[in-house]
Amino acid sequence: MRKLGYLFLGLTLACSSPKTEKDTEASTDSLDQASTTQDSLDPSLPALERKLIEQGMVDITKVIPGIQVELKYSTEDNFFQQDVYGDLVRCYLHPQATQMLAKAQESLQKDYPNLSLLVYDGVRPLSVQQILWDSLDKPDSIKPLYVSDPKIGGLHNYGVAVDLTIVDMKTGKPLDMGTPFDFFGYPAYPDRELQMLAEKKITKSQVANREILRKVMKEAGFAGIGSEWWHFNAFSRQKAGEKFPLIN
């Protein structure tokens, strides 16, 4: 049995107590150590999952109580309509992003005990990014509007971006956010919500649901983007490039 119980205690303290910079570094170090050892000797794990562990990524369900995962790229329910993760069904993130996501989950469940974060995507290896790039039937000049160029890498490729929504644990259904995940159009744009409300493309209750998600993610240190209500970054592209390696 994998013994990661000490991580739950570390994350609980990290989320509930004031911390010094030294405390933060110690907490992150614990996650870093766990990410290099958890499941790494388990030969039954999918090859992609073992590679993520070897590169320091953390299985978020092992350290964030109650969080839900439904990797959309392990299904055909995504913009590309193809399964690119294969046997990978668990979500991995960089330890620092995992720690931040734990704070968001705790904040959400403190205010709404029946709700939970539901993660659709986390770290995305460059090998998978290349598949998406090659599969997109668009000119290379406009492909970056839909998917990051694998030659450059995006924040998913550093393990510090997450796609997610909120699920009602009583019904098992995600909250109505106005559009599905991976919907490319103005109704999914946070930057266009006032316009979409005026045009009756989305409703006030749908925006209110998005606001719950934005609030807990922002308080945990994440930043959203203007074109996808489900996407949040733990770091800027510049900072990620300075601090972390790309995941292969």
Protein backbone atom coordinates (compact mmCIF):
# COMPACT_ATOMS: atom_id res chain seq x y z
CA MET A 1 0.00 0.00 0.00
CA ARG A 2 1.33 3.42 -0.89
CA LYS A 3 2.01 5.43 2.25
CA LEU A 4 1.25 9.08 1.47
CA GLY A 5 -0.82 9.87 4.53
CA TYR A 6 1.73 12.39 5.78
CA LEU A 7 1.03 14.49 2.72
CA PHE A 8 -2.59 14.99 3.72
CA LEU A 9 -1.42 16.43 7.04
CA GLY A 10 1.12 18.65 5.32
CA LEU A 11 -1.46 19.99 2.90
CA THR A 12 -4.03 20.56 5.64
CA LEU A 13 -1.56 22.65 7.57
CA ALA A 14 -0.51 24.48 4.42
CA CYS A 15 -4.10 25.40 3.67
CA SER A 16 -5.19 26.45 7.14
CA SER A 17 -2.25 28.12 8.89
CA PRO A 18 -0.18 31.25 8.17
CA LYS A 19 3.15 30.19 6.70
CA THR A 20 6.57 31.64 6.44
CA GLU A 21 8.58 31.40 3.25
CA LYS A 22 10.65 28.67 4.90
CA ASP A 23 7.48 26.71 5.75
CA THR A 24 6.29 27.00 2.14
CA GLU A 25 9.59 25.66 0.84
CA ALA A 26 9.46 22.73 3.28
CA SER A 27 5.89 21.85 2.27
CA THR A 28 6.79 22.00 -1.41
CA ASP A 29 9.88 19.87 -0.77
CA SER A 30 7.64 17.18 0.76
CA LEU A 31 5.50 17.12 -2.36
CA ASP A 32 8.59 17.05 -4.56
CA GLN A 33 9.94 14.04 -2.70
CA ALA A 34 6.61 12.23 -2.90
CA SER A 35 6.27 12.90 -6.61
CA THR A 36 9.54 11.14 -7.34
CA THR A 37 8.65 8.04 -5.33
CA GLN A 38 4.89 7.47 -5.54
CA ASP A 39 4.13 4.44 -7.67
CA SER A 40 7.50 4.75 -9.43
CA LEU A 41 8.30 1.06 -8.90
CA ASP A 42 4.85 -0.19 -9.88
CA PRO A 43 5.29 -1.96 -13.22
CA SER A 44 1.54 -2.17 -13.74
CA LEU A 45 1.19 1.58 -14.23
CA PRO A 46 0.77 2.88 -17.78
CA ALA A 47 4.07 3.93 -19.35
CA LEU A 48 2.94 7.55 -19.63
CA GLU A 49 2.04 7.64 -15.95
CA ARG A 50 5.43 6.28 -14.93
CA LYS A 51 7.11 8.95 -17.07
CA LEU A 52 5.14 11.69 -15.33
CA ILE A 53 6.14 10.38 -11.91
CA GLU A 54 9.78 10.15 -12.94
CA GLN A 55 9.65 13.80 -14.00
CA GLY A 56 8.37 14.91 -10.61
CA MET A 57 4.63 15.19 -11.21
CA VAL A 58 2.08 14.44 -8.46
CA ASP A 59 -1.14 12.44 -8.68
CA ILE A 60 -3.53 15.07 -7.32
CA THR A 61 -6.01 12.53 -5.95
CA LYS A 62 -3.32 11.20 -3.61
CA VAL A 63 -2.90 14.52 -1.84
CA ILE A 64 -6.15 16.49 -2.29
CA PRO A 65 -9.04 14.97 -0.33
CA GLY A 66 -12.28 14.61 -2.24
CA ILE A 67 -11.12 16.09 -5.54
CA GLN A 68 -12.71 14.50 -8.62
CA VAL A 69 -10.99 13.70 -11.92
CA GLU A 70 -12.36 12.98 -15.38
CA LEU A 71 -9.54 13.34 -17.89
CA LYS A 72 -11.27 14.48 -21.05
CA TYR A 73 -8.24 13.63 -23.17
CA SER A 74 -8.57 10.03 -22.04
CA THR A 75 -11.93 10.06 -23.83
CA GLU A 76 -13.22 11.36 -27.13
CA ASP A 77 -15.29 14.03 -25.36
CA ASN A 78 -13.00 16.92 -26.29
CA PHE A 79 -12.40 19.41 -29.08
CA PHE A 80 -10.18 16.97 -30.99
CA GLN A 81 -12.61 14.06 -30.56
CA GLN A 82 -9.83 11.61 -29.84
CA ASP A 83 -8.32 9.78 -26.87
CA VAL A 84 -4.68 10.86 -26.65
CA TYR A 85 -3.89 9.69 -23.11
CA GLY A 86 -4.80 6.04 -23.56
CA ASP A 87 -4.60 4.19 -20.24
CA LEU A 88 -3.83 7.35 -18.25
CA VAL A 89 -6.90 8.24 -16.18
CA ARG A 90 -5.30 9.99 -13.20
CA CYS A 91 -4.44 13.68 -13.21
CA TYR A 92 -0.89 14.82 -12.50
CA LEU A 93 0.39 18.33 -11.77
CA HIS A 94 3.58 19.98 -10.60
CA PRO A 95 3.88 19.83 -6.79
CA GLN A 96 3.50 23.60 -6.40
CA ALA A 97 0.38 23.67 -8.57
CA THR A 98 -0.99 20.71 -6.61
CA GLN A 99 -0.49 22.57 -3.35
CA MET A 100 -2.38 25.57 -4.73
CA LEU A 101 -5.19 23.38 -6.04
CA ALA A 102 -5.55 21.83 -2.59
CA LYS A 103 -6.22 25.29 -1.19
CA ALA A 104 -8.91 25.88 -3.82
CA GLN A 105 -10.60 22.57 -3.02
CA GLU A 106 -10.54 23.29 0.70
CA SER A 107 -11.98 26.77 0.18
CA LEU A 108 -14.76 25.46 -2.06
CA GLN A 109 -15.82 22.74 0.35
CA LYS A 110 -15.69 25.10 3.30
CA ASP A 111 -18.34 27.32 1.69
CA TYR A 112 -20.17 24.58 -0.26
CA PRO A 113 -19.72 21.18 1.43
CA ASN A 114 -21.72 19.42 -1.29
CA LEU A 115 -19.49 20.70 -4.09
CA SER A 116 -16.09 19.55 -5.33
CA LEU A 117 -13.63 20.54 -7.99
CA LEU A 118 -13.76 18.25 -11.03
CA VAL A 119 -10.52 18.26 -13.02
CA TYR A 120 -10.59 17.69 -16.77
CA ASP A 121 -6.89 18.07 -17.56
CA GLY A 122 -3.58 18.78 -15.85
CA VAL A 123 -0.06 18.16 -17.05
CA ARG A 124 0.14 17.43 -20.77
CA PRO A 125 3.42 15.95 -21.99
CA LEU A 126 4.99 17.46 -25.10
CA SER A 127 4.54 14.12 -26.87
CA VAL A 128 0.77 14.48 -26.44
CA GLN A 129 0.91 18.16 -27.34
CA GLN A 130 2.55 17.16 -30.62
CA ILE A 131 -0.29 14.74 -31.37
CA LEU A 132 -2.87 17.48 -30.81
CA TRP A 133 -0.90 19.95 -32.91
CA ASP A 134 -0.55 17.49 -35.79
CA SER A 135 -4.21 16.45 -35.57
CA LEU A 136 -5.62 19.97 -35.76
CA ASP A 137 -6.91 20.62 -39.27
CA LYS A 138 -5.95 24.29 -39.34
CA PRO A 139 -3.13 26.29 -40.93
CA ASP A 140 -0.07 26.48 -38.69
CA SER A 141 -0.49 30.25 -38.51
CA ILE A 142 -3.76 29.97 -36.59
CA LYS A 143 -3.19 26.70 -34.72
CA PRO A 144 -1.90 28.56 -31.63
CA LEU A 145 -5.42 29.95 -31.18
CA TYR A 146 -6.53 26.41 -30.34
CA VAL A 147 -3.45 24.60 -29.00
CA SER A 148 0.06 25.60 -27.91
CA ASP A 149 2.89 24.93 -30.35
CA PRO A 150 4.86 21.96 -28.93
CA LYS A 151 8.09 23.59 -30.15
CA ILE A 152 7.47 26.32 -27.58
CA GLY A 153 5.31 24.60 -24.99
CA GLY A 154 2.38 25.90 -23.00
CA LEU A 155 1.61 25.91 -19.29
CA HIS A 156 -0.05 22.49 -19.44
CA ASN A 157 3.32 21.21 -20.69
CA TYR A 158 4.98 22.48 -17.51
CA GLY A 159 2.33 20.88 -15.29
CA VAL A 160 1.19 24.24 -13.92
CA ALA A 161 -2.13 24.69 -15.76
CA VAL A 162 -5.38 22.95 -14.95
CA ASP A 163 -8.74 22.64 -16.72
CA LEU A 164 -11.63 22.06 -14.36
CA THR A 165 -15.19 22.70 -13.30
CA ILE A 166 -17.34 22.14 -10.20
CA VAL A 167 -19.44 19.06 -9.56
CA ASP A 168 -22.42 18.67 -7.22
CA MET A 169 -21.58 15.55 -5.23
CA LYS A 170 -25.24 14.95 -4.35
CA THR A 171 -26.33 14.66 -7.98
CA GLY A 172 -23.00 13.68 -9.53
CA LYS A 173 -23.50 16.35 -12.17
CA PRO A 174 -21.25 19.32 -12.98
CA LEU A 175 -22.67 22.78 -12.41
CA ASP A 176 -24.08 24.45 -15.51
CA MET A 177 -21.37 26.78 -16.79
CA GLY A 178 -23.15 27.73 -20.00
CA THR A 179 -20.97 25.71 -22.38
CA PRO A 180 -19.23 22.36 -22.31
CA PHE A 181 -15.51 21.99 -21.74
CA ASP A 182 -13.44 22.68 -24.88
CA PHE A 183 -16.16 24.85 -26.42
CA PHE A 184 -14.50 27.43 -28.65
CA GLY A 185 -16.74 30.43 -29.02
CA TYR A 186 -17.76 33.63 -27.25
CA PRO A 187 -20.23 31.95 -24.86
CA ALA A 188 -17.21 30.29 -23.19
CA TYR A 189 -15.22 33.53 -22.92
CA PRO A 190 -15.10 35.12 -19.45
CA ASP A 191 -14.14 38.33 -21.27
CA ARG A 192 -17.41 38.25 -23.23
CA GLU A 193 -19.85 37.40 -20.47
CA LEU A 194 -21.61 40.76 -20.40
CA GLN A 195 -22.09 40.63 -24.16
CA MET A 196 -23.25 37.01 -24.04
CA LEU A 197 -25.71 37.85 -21.25
CA ALA A 198 -27.12 40.71 -23.30
CA GLU A 199 -27.49 38.40 -26.31
CA LYS A 200 -29.03 35.71 -24.07
CA LYS A 201 -26.39 33.19 -25.06
CA ILE A 202 -25.69 32.47 -21.37
CA THR A 203 -27.66 33.10 -18.18
CA LYS A 204 -26.97 34.87 -14.89
CA SER A 205 -27.07 31.58 -13.00
CA GLN A 206 -24.43 30.12 -15.33
CA VAL A 207 -22.19 33.14 -14.74
CA ALA A 208 -22.79 32.81 -11.00
CA ASN A 209 -21.52 29.23 -11.16
CA ARG A 210 -18.42 30.40 -13.00
CA GLU A 211 -17.89 33.04 -10.33
CA ILE A 212 -17.75 30.36 -7.64
CA LEU A 213 -15.01 28.59 -9.59
CA ARG A 214 -13.11 31.79 -10.30
CA LYS A 215 -13.27 32.90 -6.68
CA VAL A 216 -11.74 29.77 -5.16
CA MET A 217 -9.11 29.48 -7.88
CA LYS A 218 -8.09 33.14 -7.63
CA GLU A 219 -7.87 32.96 -3.84
CA ALA A 220 -5.55 29.95 -4.21
CA GLY A 221 -3.24 31.94 -6.50
CA PHE A 222 -4.41 30.82 -9.94
CA ALA A 223 -5.15 33.17 -12.83
CA GLY A 224 -7.85 32.54 -15.42
CA ILE A 225 -7.76 33.44 -19.09
CA GLY A 226 -10.20 35.44 -21.19
CA SER A 227 -11.29 32.73 -23.62
CA GLU A 228 -11.91 29.59 -21.52
CA TRP A 229 -13.92 29.58 -18.28
CA TRP A 230 -12.38 26.20 -17.32
CA HIS A 231 -8.66 27.08 -17.69
CA PHE A 232 -6.45 28.36 -14.86
CA ASN A 233 -2.70 28.95 -14.62
CA ALA A 234 -0.61 28.63 -11.47
CA PHE A 235 2.21 30.72 -12.97
CA SER A 236 2.79 33.01 -15.92
CA ARG A 237 4.43 31.56 -19.03
CA GLN A 238 7.58 33.56 -18.34
CA LYS A 239 7.86 32.45 -14.72
CA ALA A 240 7.16 28.81 -15.57
CA GLY A 241 9.89 28.89 -18.21
CA GLU A 242 12.34 30.30 -15.69
CA LYS A 243 11.48 27.92 -12.85
CA PHE A 244 10.45 24.58 -14.35
CA PRO A 245 11.37 22.12 -17.13
CA LEU A 246 8.96 21.12 -19.85
CA ILE A 247 7.42 17.65 -19.36
CA ASN A 248 8.19 15.13 -22.09
